[in-house]
Amino acid sequence: MTQLQNPKWLPLAEALEKMAEVIEPISDVETIAISEAKGRVAALDVASPINVPPFANSAMDGYAIRFADVEHREPLQVIGKSFAGEPFTGKVGPRQCVRIMTGAALPAGVDTVVMQENVSVEGDTIQLTGSVRFKEAVRPVGDDIKQHSTILVAGKKIAPIDIGLLASLGIAQVTVKRQLRVAIFSSGDELTLPGYPLKEGHIYDSNRFALIAMLEALDYDVMDLGIVPDEMDALRSAFAKADESADLVLCSGGVSVGDADYTKDVLAEMGQVEFWKLAIKPGKPLALGRLPNSIFIGLPGNPVSAVVTFIQVAQAALGMLSGELPKQDLALPAVAAERFRKRPGRLDFQRAYCWTDESGQLLVRPAGKQTSGVLSSFTHSNCFACLELERGPVDEGEKVNLLLFDHLLQ
C-alpha cells in the first residue's frame, strides 16, 4: 500500500497555487535604455515600428533578374551593381540584370535572384546555366517582422536576444517593472563567515553566498544582512530592517522545529504564516508568509535543501512578485541506468547525471549521496531526477523525468 505524505505537508503544486493567491505583483514601472534592460520584466507590449526587412533584398550573392526573361534563355546585360548600403537606383528593363550581394536592396523592375554559381559571365553579360524559380532568393518586405506586430509581450523577462531585437528595430528605450529588491540573511549561532577560523561545533555559512549568486544571476537587487543570531530580538530587528526596504525577505535556516529555531515564531508575530512544510525532498521545512511590506520566504538550513527550495519555490515567488509571466519547466524523459532509492510520500529532487548512449537514448543515474548536507553532489551532477510523490524505489530500466540544471547551477 502506498504511503501518503503527512497531511500537514503541502504538495509543491498546491504551494505554488497558494503563493499565486498571496503574492501581488509590484506595479511600479520605469522607462530605461535597452542597454540596461537585461533581466528586467517588460511592463508593456512592444510593437515593431517598422517592417523587417524594410525593403526587399537578396538572400545570396548573384544577379537580380526579371523572371519573365528566364524562358528566353538569352544573355542578359549587366547594367549595374547593388551592394548592402549602396543600392542600384535605376530600373531594370527586359533582358537586363544587376549584380547583387547578400542583403542588398532589390532594384526596381526585378523579382528574382539567380545565384552566381548558376550563370556564366562574359564581359558585361551573363548566361543562365542552371534552373531558377520565380522570386528565388528574395526576402520580401516584412518577411521577418511585420510593422505593428508584437515583438515583446508584457511580463517577458528581457534576455540579451530581446535587446538585440529591439535595437534592430530602432527602439532605444523600453518600459519595464522596477527592479525587485531582495533582502537576505542567514540565521544560526553555529555559522561562521568564510575566511575566519572555525570554533568547535561551528560551520561556514555557505547558503547565503550561493543564494546571493543565484539572485544576482536572476538580475535582482540584493541587500545582504549577513548572519543573524538565533535570538528573538536579533531576528525581530533583521525582519524589521529588511521589511522596510525589500520586496521579498529571504532567510536560510531557522524554520525547522528545533528549540532554537525562532524564525517562524517571529514571522507569525510580525506578519502571517501561509505555510511552512512542503511534501518535497530535500526541503521539507520551508516557510512562506507576509510581513507588513514584503513577502517572506524561509529556506531550510541544510545546503542542498536551501538550493533546491530556492530553485523550486523562491524563484517562482520572485517571478510572481516581479510580474513575470509563468514559465513551465521542461521535463525530459530518460531511462534509469542505475537504481534510485526513494520512499513514497514526498516529491524527490535527486541530484543526478544524465547522458545519451550510442543509440541516442537519454540515460540517468544518481550522483552520489542524496543527503541534504552534501553540497558537493552538485559538482558531480547536471540535472535533477524528479521522482513523483507516490513513487517508491526506481529500478534500472524504468522511466524517469529530468530537469536539466540551468545557469543558476552551472
Protein backbone atom coordinates (compact mmCIF):
# COMPACT_ATOMS: atom_id res chain seq x y z
CA MET A 1 0.00 0.00 0.00
CA THR A 2 1.37 3.42 -0.98
CA GLN A 3 2.21 5.65 1.96
CA LEU A 4 0.79 9.15 1.52
CA GLN A 5 2.54 12.29 2.70
CA ASN A 6 1.84 13.72 6.12
CA PRO A 7 -1.39 15.78 5.79
CA LYS A 8 0.48 18.76 7.31
CA TRP A 9 2.96 18.69 4.42
CA LEU A 10 1.83 20.75 1.44
CA PRO A 11 2.44 19.29 -2.04
CA LEU A 12 4.58 21.55 -4.23
CA ALA A 13 1.82 22.20 -6.78
CA GLU A 14 -0.53 23.37 -4.02
CA ALA A 15 2.21 25.55 -2.51
CA LEU A 16 2.72 27.29 -5.85
CA GLU A 17 -1.03 27.86 -6.17
CA LYS A 18 -1.10 29.29 -2.65
CA MET A 19 1.77 31.63 -3.48
CA ALA A 20 -0.06 32.90 -6.54
CA GLU A 21 -3.02 33.80 -4.30
CA VAL A 22 -0.85 35.56 -1.71
CA ILE A 23 1.64 37.44 -3.91
CA GLU A 24 0.61 40.71 -5.55
CA PRO A 25 2.96 41.75 -8.38
CA ILE A 26 4.71 45.09 -7.99
CA SER A 27 3.15 47.88 -10.06
CA ASP A 28 5.96 50.46 -10.27
CA VAL A 29 7.40 50.92 -13.77
CA GLU A 30 10.17 52.94 -15.37
CA THR A 31 11.47 53.61 -18.87
CA ILE A 32 15.14 52.74 -19.34
CA ALA A 33 17.70 52.42 -22.11
CA ILE A 34 17.75 49.00 -23.75
CA SER A 35 21.42 48.66 -22.75
CA GLU A 36 20.23 48.48 -19.13
CA ALA A 37 17.25 46.19 -19.74
CA LYS A 38 18.75 42.69 -19.38
CA GLY A 39 16.85 40.71 -16.77
CA ARG A 40 14.13 43.33 -16.35
CA VAL A 41 10.45 42.47 -16.86
CA ALA A 42 8.65 44.22 -19.70
CA ALA A 43 5.76 46.28 -18.34
CA LEU A 44 4.05 46.86 -21.70
CA ASP A 45 3.72 45.08 -25.01
CA VAL A 46 6.18 46.42 -27.58
CA ALA A 47 5.15 46.63 -31.26
CA SER A 48 7.54 46.90 -34.17
CA PRO A 49 7.62 50.42 -35.67
CA ILE A 50 8.97 49.09 -38.99
CA ASN A 51 8.96 46.13 -41.32
CA VAL A 52 11.97 43.81 -41.16
CA PRO A 53 13.44 43.76 -43.67
CA PRO A 54 12.24 47.28 -44.57
CA PHE A 55 12.88 46.61 -48.26
CA ALA A 56 13.01 43.52 -50.46
CA ASN A 57 16.58 42.24 -50.57
CA SER A 58 18.72 39.41 -51.80
CA ALA A 59 19.32 36.26 -49.74
CA MET A 60 22.56 35.46 -51.59
CA ASP A 61 25.27 36.77 -53.90
CA GLY A 62 24.16 36.59 -57.53
CA TYR A 63 22.23 38.52 -60.15
CA ALA A 64 18.88 40.26 -59.82
CA ILE A 65 16.76 39.44 -62.88
CA ARG A 66 13.23 39.61 -64.31
CA PHE A 67 11.77 36.09 -64.16
CA ALA A 68 9.98 36.82 -67.45
CA ASP A 69 13.40 36.73 -69.14
CA VAL A 70 14.19 33.19 -67.93
CA GLU A 71 12.17 31.38 -70.59
CA HIS A 72 14.11 33.07 -73.41
CA ARG A 73 17.46 31.74 -72.20
CA GLU A 74 19.19 34.63 -73.92
CA PRO A 75 22.17 36.56 -72.50
CA LEU A 76 21.25 39.31 -70.01
CA GLN A 77 23.11 42.60 -69.90
CA VAL A 78 24.57 43.60 -66.53
CA ILE A 79 23.72 47.29 -66.11
CA GLY A 80 24.93 47.91 -62.57
CA LYS A 81 25.60 46.65 -59.06
CA SER A 82 23.60 46.61 -55.83
CA PHE A 83 25.52 46.30 -52.55
CA ALA A 84 24.29 46.37 -48.97
CA GLY A 85 24.04 50.04 -48.13
CA GLU A 86 24.67 51.06 -51.77
CA PRO A 87 21.57 50.12 -53.77
CA PHE A 88 21.21 50.32 -57.53
CA THR A 89 18.91 53.30 -58.13
CA GLY A 90 17.93 52.69 -61.75
CA LYS A 91 15.20 50.47 -63.18
CA VAL A 92 15.90 47.12 -64.80
CA GLY A 93 14.30 46.55 -68.21
CA PRO A 94 13.80 43.48 -70.41
CA ARG A 95 16.90 41.29 -70.84
CA GLN A 96 18.80 43.33 -68.28
CA CYS A 97 20.09 42.39 -64.82
CA VAL A 98 22.04 43.76 -61.87
CA ARG A 99 24.92 42.21 -59.96
CA ILE A 100 23.65 41.92 -56.36
CA MET A 101 25.18 40.99 -52.99
CA THR A 102 23.56 39.35 -49.95
CA GLY A 103 21.38 41.83 -48.07
CA ALA A 104 21.37 44.39 -50.86
CA ALA A 105 18.12 46.05 -51.90
CA LEU A 106 16.31 44.53 -54.88
CA PRO A 107 16.33 47.06 -57.76
CA ALA A 108 13.11 48.27 -59.32
CA GLY A 109 11.87 46.05 -62.14
CA VAL A 110 13.32 42.71 -60.93
CA ASP A 111 11.65 39.93 -58.96
CA THR A 112 14.16 37.07 -58.75
CA VAL A 113 17.78 36.44 -57.81
CA VAL A 114 19.82 33.76 -59.52
CA MET A 115 22.84 32.54 -57.61
CA GLN A 116 26.20 33.32 -59.17
CA GLU A 117 27.03 29.61 -59.47
CA ASN A 118 24.14 29.21 -61.95
CA VAL A 119 25.39 31.71 -64.53
CA SER A 120 28.35 32.11 -66.83
CA VAL A 121 29.82 35.58 -67.25
CA GLU A 122 31.19 37.02 -70.44
CA GLY A 123 32.09 40.70 -70.39
CA ASP A 124 29.04 42.67 -69.28
CA THR A 125 26.56 39.85 -69.97
CA ILE A 126 25.53 36.68 -68.19
CA GLN A 127 24.03 33.45 -69.45
CA LEU A 128 21.81 31.31 -67.21
CA THR A 129 23.29 27.82 -66.84
CA GLY A 130 21.03 26.34 -64.15
CA SER A 131 17.40 26.29 -63.11
CA VAL A 132 15.81 29.20 -61.29
CA ARG A 133 12.43 29.65 -59.58
CA PHE A 134 10.18 32.71 -59.50
CA LYS A 135 11.15 35.00 -56.57
CA GLU A 136 14.05 32.71 -55.69
CA ALA A 137 16.48 34.11 -53.08
CA VAL A 138 14.32 37.19 -52.47
CA ARG A 139 13.49 38.29 -48.93
CA PRO A 140 10.24 40.30 -49.20
CA VAL A 141 9.37 43.35 -47.11
CA GLY A 142 8.38 42.28 -43.59
CA ASP A 143 9.48 38.69 -44.16
CA ASP A 144 10.96 38.55 -40.61
CA ILE A 145 8.79 41.07 -38.72
CA LYS A 146 5.67 42.87 -39.87
CA GLN A 147 5.21 46.51 -38.89
CA HIS A 148 2.93 46.91 -35.81
CA SER A 149 3.31 43.23 -34.83
CA THR A 150 4.05 42.50 -31.15
CA ILE A 151 7.68 41.57 -30.64
CA LEU A 152 7.87 41.76 -26.82
CA VAL A 153 4.95 40.92 -24.52
CA ALA A 154 4.32 42.40 -21.10
CA GLY A 155 5.68 40.05 -18.44
CA LYS A 156 8.57 38.78 -20.55
CA LYS A 157 11.90 38.82 -18.75
CA ILE A 158 14.16 40.60 -21.19
CA ALA A 159 17.02 38.44 -22.47
CA PRO A 160 20.10 39.56 -24.43
CA ILE A 161 18.50 38.44 -27.70
CA ASP A 162 15.46 40.63 -26.92
CA ILE A 163 17.77 43.61 -26.55
CA GLY A 164 19.32 42.87 -29.93
CA LEU A 165 15.85 42.56 -31.46
CA LEU A 166 14.75 45.91 -30.01
CA ALA A 167 17.91 47.55 -31.32
CA SER A 168 17.35 46.08 -34.79
CA LEU A 169 14.01 47.90 -34.86
CA GLY A 170 15.50 51.23 -33.85
CA ILE A 171 13.94 51.08 -30.36
CA ALA A 172 16.26 52.76 -27.85
CA GLN A 173 14.14 52.58 -24.68
CA VAL A 174 11.72 50.12 -23.09
CA THR A 175 9.24 50.38 -20.22
CA VAL A 176 9.88 47.79 -17.51
CA LYS A 177 8.85 46.90 -13.99
CA ARG A 178 11.21 48.37 -11.43
CA GLN A 179 13.96 46.06 -10.26
CA LEU A 180 12.90 43.75 -7.47
CA ARG A 181 14.81 44.16 -4.21
CA VAL A 182 15.58 41.10 -2.09
CA ALA A 183 16.91 41.23 1.46
CA ILE A 184 18.74 38.09 2.57
CA PHE A 185 20.25 36.83 5.80
CA SER A 186 21.35 33.56 7.34
CA SER A 187 20.10 32.50 10.75
CA GLY A 188 22.16 30.34 13.08
CA ASP A 189 24.50 30.64 16.07
CA GLU A 190 26.71 27.95 14.55
CA LEU A 191 27.55 29.90 11.39
CA THR A 192 30.96 31.45 10.64
CA LEU A 193 31.98 33.69 7.75
CA PRO A 194 34.43 32.18 5.25
CA GLY A 195 37.94 33.42 5.92
CA TYR A 196 37.63 33.14 9.70
CA PRO A 197 38.75 30.18 11.84
CA LEU A 198 36.05 27.74 12.87
CA LYS A 199 35.16 27.35 16.53
CA GLU A 200 34.26 23.94 17.84
CA GLY A 201 30.77 22.95 16.67
CA HIS A 202 30.60 25.72 14.04
CA ILE A 203 30.29 25.53 10.25
CA TYR A 204 30.89 28.04 7.47
CA ASP A 205 27.93 29.97 6.09
CA SER A 206 27.71 28.68 2.51
CA ASN A 207 23.99 29.06 1.82
CA ARG A 208 23.91 32.84 1.77
CA PHE A 209 26.77 33.06 -0.73
CA ALA A 210 25.14 30.53 -3.08
CA LEU A 211 21.75 32.22 -2.78
CA ILE A 212 23.15 35.71 -3.42
CA ALA A 213 24.96 34.42 -6.51
CA MET A 214 21.72 32.91 -7.81
CA LEU A 215 19.74 36.09 -7.05
CA GLU A 216 22.28 38.19 -8.91
CA ALA A 217 22.21 35.74 -11.83
CA LEU A 218 18.47 36.40 -11.95
CA ASP A 219 19.14 40.17 -12.04
CA TYR A 220 17.58 41.11 -8.71
CA ASP A 221 18.87 43.89 -6.44
CA VAL A 222 20.27 42.14 -3.35
CA MET A 223 20.61 43.57 0.15
CA ASP A 224 22.86 41.31 2.26
CA LEU A 225 22.12 41.44 6.00
CA GLY A 226 24.75 38.86 6.92
CA ILE A 227 24.39 36.32 9.73
CA VAL A 228 21.68 36.88 12.34
CA PRO A 229 21.88 35.02 15.69
CA ASP A 230 19.10 32.66 16.78
CA GLU A 231 17.67 35.23 19.17
CA MET A 232 14.19 36.69 19.13
CA ASP A 233 15.32 40.33 19.39
CA ALA A 234 18.01 39.95 16.72
CA LEU A 235 15.54 38.30 14.35
CA ARG A 236 12.91 40.97 15.01
CA SER A 237 15.45 43.65 14.18
CA ALA A 238 16.57 41.88 10.99
CA PHE A 239 12.98 41.36 9.85
CA ALA A 240 12.08 44.99 10.52
CA LYS A 241 15.12 46.32 8.64
CA ALA A 242 14.51 44.01 5.69
CA ASP A 243 10.80 44.74 5.54
CA GLU A 244 11.43 48.48 5.36
CA SER A 245 13.28 48.36 2.05
CA ALA A 246 12.80 44.97 0.35
CA ASP A 247 10.04 43.41 -1.72
CA LEU A 248 10.98 39.92 -0.59
CA VAL A 249 12.86 38.81 2.52
CA LEU A 250 14.81 35.58 2.14
CA CYS A 251 16.25 33.70 5.10
CA SER A 252 18.24 30.49 5.26
CA GLY A 253 17.87 28.44 8.44
CA GLY A 254 15.69 28.76 11.49
CA VAL A 255 12.47 27.29 10.08
CA SER A 256 12.66 23.74 11.43
CA VAL A 257 11.14 22.54 14.68
CA GLY A 258 14.21 22.88 16.88
CA ASP A 259 14.08 24.63 20.26
CA ALA A 260 16.34 27.42 19.00
CA ASP A 261 14.61 27.99 15.67
CA TYR A 262 12.71 31.24 16.17
CA THR A 263 12.25 32.45 12.61
CA LYS A 264 8.75 31.04 12.23
CA ASP A 265 7.72 32.47 15.61
CA VAL A 266 8.93 35.97 14.71
CA LEU A 267 7.24 35.75 11.33
CA ALA A 268 3.94 34.81 12.98
CA GLU A 269 4.36 37.68 15.43
CA MET A 270 5.16 40.36 12.83
CA GLY A 271 3.10 39.08 9.92
CA GLN A 272 1.26 35.98 8.75
CA VAL A 273 2.46 32.45 8.01
CA GLU A 274 0.86 30.89 4.93
CA PHE A 275 2.61 27.50 5.04
CA TRP A 276 5.78 26.06 6.49
CA LYS A 277 6.14 22.41 5.49
CA LEU A 278 6.32 21.04 1.96
CA ALA A 279 5.98 17.47 0.76
CA ILE A 280 9.27 17.61 -1.14
CA LYS A 281 12.73 16.21 -0.58
CA PRO A 282 15.10 17.76 0.12
CA GLY A 283 13.47 20.83 1.63
CA LYS A 284 10.51 19.91 3.82
CA PRO A 285 10.88 22.81 6.32
CA LEU A 286 10.04 25.90 4.29
CA ALA A 287 8.08 28.91 5.49
CA LEU A 288 6.21 31.40 3.35
CA GLY A 289 4.44 34.37 4.81
CA ARG A 290 3.67 38.06 4.66
CA LEU A 291 5.29 40.89 6.55
CA PRO A 292 3.74 44.39 6.64
CA ASN A 293 5.51 45.48 3.43
CA SER A 294 7.02 42.37 1.91
CA ILE A 295 6.84 38.66 1.25
CA PHE A 296 8.95 36.37 3.42
CA ILE A 297 10.44 33.01 2.47
CA GLY A 298 12.37 30.95 4.98
CA LEU A 299 14.52 28.30 3.35
CA PRO A 300 15.93 25.25 5.16
CA GLY A 301 19.39 25.47 6.68
CA ASN A 302 20.82 22.35 5.05
CA PRO A 303 22.77 23.46 1.96
CA VAL A 304 21.18 21.16 -0.62
CA SER A 305 17.70 21.83 0.75
CA ALA A 306 18.29 25.58 0.53
CA VAL A 307 19.39 25.36 -3.11
CA VAL A 308 16.56 23.03 -4.17
CA THR A 309 13.83 25.05 -2.46
CA PHE A 310 15.23 28.29 -3.86
CA ILE A 311 15.00 26.87 -7.38
CA GLN A 312 11.62 25.21 -6.95
CA VAL A 313 9.84 27.72 -4.68
CA ALA A 314 11.65 31.02 -4.13
CA GLN A 315 12.42 31.51 -7.82
CA ALA A 316 8.73 31.08 -8.65
CA ALA A 317 7.75 33.54 -5.90
CA LEU A 318 10.22 36.12 -7.20
CA GLY A 319 8.83 35.73 -10.71
CA MET A 320 5.27 36.25 -9.45
CA LEU A 321 6.30 39.30 -7.43
CA SER A 322 8.13 40.91 -10.36
CA GLY A 323 5.16 40.37 -12.70
CA GLU A 324 6.98 37.86 -14.87
CA LEU A 325 4.91 35.50 -17.00
CA PRO A 326 4.86 31.98 -15.52
CA LYS A 327 7.30 29.53 -17.05
CA GLN A 328 6.87 25.79 -17.44
CA ASP A 329 9.89 23.64 -16.62
CA LEU A 330 10.96 21.40 -19.48
CA ALA A 331 10.89 17.84 -18.15
CA LEU A 332 12.86 15.36 -20.25
CA PRO A 333 12.06 11.63 -20.20
CA ALA A 334 15.03 9.37 -19.51
CA VAL A 335 15.80 5.78 -18.57
CA ALA A 336 17.36 4.93 -15.23
CA ALA A 337 20.81 3.40 -15.76
CA GLU A 338 21.06 2.59 -12.05
CA ARG A 339 18.65 2.13 -9.18
CA PHE A 340 17.31 5.22 -7.39
CA ARG A 341 16.46 4.82 -3.72
CA LYS A 342 13.22 6.52 -2.62
CA ARG A 343 10.32 6.22 -0.22
CA PRO A 344 6.78 7.23 -1.17
CA GLY A 345 5.38 10.37 0.43
CA ARG A 346 7.38 13.29 -0.99
CA LEU A 347 8.29 14.69 -4.40
CA ASP A 348 12.01 13.99 -4.57
CA PHE A 349 14.53 16.10 -6.49
CA GLN A 350 17.58 13.84 -6.59
CA ARG A 351 20.89 15.12 -7.91
CA ALA A 352 21.70 13.05 -10.97
CA TYR A 353 23.92 12.79 -14.00
CA CYS A 354 22.44 12.25 -17.46
CA TRP A 355 23.95 11.42 -20.86
CA THR A 356 22.98 9.84 -24.17
CA ASP A 357 24.19 6.43 -25.25
CA GLU A 358 25.26 5.33 -28.74
CA SER A 359 21.62 4.91 -29.83
CA GLY A 360 20.65 8.41 -28.67
CA GLN A 361 18.75 7.21 -25.60
CA LEU A 362 18.87 9.63 -22.65
CA LEU A 363 20.10 7.79 -19.55
CA VAL A 364 20.39 8.94 -15.95
CA ARG A 365 21.97 7.73 -12.73
CA PRO A 366 22.08 9.09 -9.15
CA ALA A 367 25.00 11.42 -8.44
CA GLY A 368 26.41 10.22 -5.14
CA LYS A 369 24.87 10.63 -1.71
CA GLN A 370 21.46 12.28 -1.63
CA THR A 371 21.53 13.62 1.93
CA SER A 372 20.67 17.31 2.26
CA GLY A 373 24.06 18.30 3.67
CA VAL A 374 26.18 17.04 0.75
CA LEU A 375 26.54 20.18 -1.32
CA SER A 376 29.43 18.69 -3.31
CA SER A 377 26.96 16.36 -5.05
CA PHE A 378 26.02 19.28 -7.32
CA THR A 379 29.52 19.31 -8.80
CA HIS A 380 29.07 15.71 -9.96
CA SER A 381 25.57 16.17 -11.41
CA ASN A 382 23.92 18.02 -14.26
CA CYS A 383 20.22 17.52 -13.59
CA PHE A 384 17.51 16.70 -11.09
CA ALA A 385 15.79 13.35 -11.34
CA CYS A 386 12.20 14.24 -10.39
CA LEU A 387 10.67 11.28 -8.60
CA GLU A 388 6.93 11.59 -8.06
CA LEU A 389 5.38 11.95 -4.61
CA GLU A 390 3.72 8.49 -4.58
CA ARG A 391 6.68 6.73 -6.18
CA GLY A 392 8.93 4.28 -4.41
CA PRO A 393 12.34 2.99 -5.50
CA VAL A 394 13.19 3.28 -9.19
CA ASP A 395 14.74 0.20 -10.74
CA GLU A 396 17.21 0.15 -13.61
CA GLY A 397 15.36 0.46 -16.91
CA GLU A 398 12.40 2.45 -15.54
CA LYS A 399 11.41 5.85 -16.93
CA VAL A 400 12.44 8.99 -15.02
CA ASN A 401 11.70 12.66 -15.72
CA LEU A 402 14.65 15.06 -15.63
CA LEU A 403 15.08 18.78 -15.11
CA LEU A 404 18.42 19.90 -16.55
CA PHE A 405 20.48 22.36 -14.50
CA ASP A 406 20.47 25.87 -15.92
CA HIS A 407 22.72 28.92 -15.47
CA LEU A 408 21.91 29.11 -11.75
CA LEU A 409 23.83 25.93 -11.00
CA GLN A 410 26.32 25.54 -13.83
